[in-house]
Amino acid sequence: MNEPTQDKSAPDTDALRQRIIELMQSVYDPEIPVNIYELGMVYDIQVDAEGNATVSMTLTSPACPVAGSLPGEVEWRLGTLEGLKSAKVNLVWEPPWTPEKMSEAAKLQLGMM
């Protein structure tokens, strides 16, 4: 009985997703000393079998001073990840961001616990 073979050229989507999370943990909202992942601003990360990534993220407010630049910065940084074929960032406003979306670590760092 033959074992199924895995396509060695296909990207490891779980590993890519983890590397995307690590990258998001190095991107900071300039007004808050916590990274955007721990702030809960990253809502979804999808990586397909070809290595294309789509990230849905929000900002703390539509009036955020970096609304015009932060999503582009994230998309640019994603484009530097080895093994990622393409990256797209979708800026979403639903559901709206609230402090409840922050991780426990972010709340602790900001003295909210």
Protein backbone atom coordinates (compact mmCIF):
# COMPACT_ATOMS: atom_id res chain seq x y z
CA MET A 1 0.00 0.00 0.00
CA ASN A 2 1.46 3.32 -1.07
CA GLU A 3 1.58 6.27 1.30
CA PRO A 4 0.17 9.50 -0.13
CA THR A 5 2.95 11.80 -1.21
CA GLN A 6 3.05 15.40 -0.14
CA ASP A 7 3.93 18.01 -2.72
CA LYS A 8 7.32 19.25 -1.52
CA SER A 9 6.85 22.53 -3.40
CA ALA A 10 3.56 23.34 -1.65
CA PRO A 11 3.96 25.84 1.19
CA ASP A 12 3.37 24.81 4.78
CA THR A 13 0.34 27.03 5.40
CA ASP A 14 0.40 26.52 9.18
CA ALA A 15 4.06 27.57 9.35
CA LEU A 16 3.38 30.59 7.12
CA ARG A 17 0.42 31.59 9.29
CA GLN A 18 2.63 31.40 12.40
CA ARG A 19 5.30 33.53 10.72
CA ILE A 20 2.62 36.09 9.81
CA ILE A 21 1.54 36.22 13.46
CA GLU A 22 5.16 36.72 14.52
CA LEU A 23 5.48 39.54 11.99
CA MET A 24 2.27 41.17 13.30
CA GLN A 25 3.79 41.05 16.77
CA SER A 26 6.54 43.37 15.51
CA VAL A 27 4.15 46.04 14.16
CA TYR A 28 3.06 48.69 16.64
CA ASP A 29 0.30 51.24 16.70
CA PRO A 30 2.36 54.43 17.07
CA GLU A 31 0.08 55.77 19.79
CA ILE A 32 -0.04 52.61 21.92
CA PRO A 33 3.11 50.73 23.02
CA VAL A 34 1.60 47.31 22.18
CA ASN A 35 1.80 45.40 18.91
CA ILE A 36 -1.25 45.22 16.65
CA TYR A 37 -1.68 41.46 17.14
CA GLU A 38 -1.87 41.68 20.95
CA LEU A 39 -4.11 44.75 20.63
CA GLY A 40 -6.62 42.50 18.86
CA MET A 41 -6.54 44.53 15.66
CA VAL A 42 -5.86 41.44 13.50
CA TYR A 43 -9.20 39.70 12.98
CA ASP A 44 -8.31 36.95 10.52
CA ILE A 45 -5.32 35.44 8.73
CA GLN A 46 -5.88 33.14 5.76
CA VAL A 47 -3.13 31.38 3.82
CA ASP A 48 -4.09 29.30 0.80
CA ALA A 49 -2.30 26.25 -0.62
CA GLU A 50 -0.36 28.40 -3.08
CA GLY A 51 1.09 30.63 -0.34
CA ASN A 52 -1.16 33.66 -0.83
CA ALA A 53 -2.11 35.41 2.41
CA THR A 54 -5.09 37.58 3.21
CA VAL A 55 -5.19 39.46 6.51
CA SER A 56 -8.28 41.20 7.82
CA MET A 57 -7.45 43.87 10.34
CA THR A 58 -8.95 46.96 11.86
CA LEU A 59 -7.73 50.05 13.64
CA THR A 60 -8.64 51.36 17.05
CA SER A 61 -10.79 54.00 15.36
CA PRO A 62 -11.63 55.19 11.83
CA ALA A 63 -10.06 58.52 12.84
CA CYS A 64 -6.76 56.81 13.72
CA PRO A 65 -3.89 59.00 12.47
CA VAL A 66 -2.27 56.01 10.74
CA ALA A 67 -5.44 54.82 8.97
CA GLY A 68 -3.90 55.71 5.63
CA SER A 69 -0.49 54.16 6.27
CA LEU A 70 -0.62 51.25 8.75
CA PRO A 71 -2.49 48.74 6.53
CA GLY A 72 -0.03 49.47 3.71
CA GLU A 73 2.91 49.05 6.07
CA VAL A 74 1.55 45.68 7.19
CA GLU A 75 1.02 44.58 3.57
CA TRP A 76 4.56 45.69 2.66
CA ARG A 77 6.05 43.81 5.62
CA LEU A 78 4.08 40.69 4.72
CA GLY A 79 5.58 40.90 1.25
CA THR A 80 9.03 40.42 2.78
CA LEU A 81 8.20 37.01 4.28
CA GLU A 82 10.07 34.22 2.55
CA GLY A 83 7.73 31.58 1.17
CA LEU A 84 4.75 33.90 0.89
CA LYS A 85 3.69 34.30 -2.74
CA SER A 86 1.45 37.35 -2.19
CA ALA A 87 -0.17 39.28 0.62
CA LYS A 88 -3.29 41.40 0.83
CA VAL A 89 -4.54 43.38 3.82
CA ASN A 90 -8.23 44.13 4.10
CA LEU A 91 -9.09 46.97 6.44
CA VAL A 92 -12.42 46.21 8.10
CA TRP A 93 -14.58 48.12 10.56
CA GLU A 94 -17.01 45.39 11.59
CA PRO A 95 -16.97 44.39 14.28
CA PRO A 96 -15.60 47.62 15.70
CA TRP A 97 -12.44 47.34 17.76
CA THR A 98 -12.89 47.61 21.53
CA PRO A 99 -10.38 47.20 24.39
CA GLU A 100 -11.99 43.82 25.14
CA LYS A 101 -10.29 42.48 21.98
CA MET A 102 -6.85 42.96 23.56
CA SER A 103 -4.93 39.97 24.87
CA GLU A 104 -4.37 39.57 28.59
CA ALA A 105 -0.69 40.44 28.00
CA ALA A 106 -1.64 43.71 26.28
CA LYS A 107 -4.04 44.65 29.08
CA LEU A 108 -1.36 43.90 31.66
CA GLN A 109 1.24 45.93 29.75
CA LEU A 110 -1.14 48.89 29.61
CA GLY A 111 -2.06 48.62 33.30
CA MET A 112 -5.66 47.63 32.58
CA MET A 113 -5.59 44.62 34.90
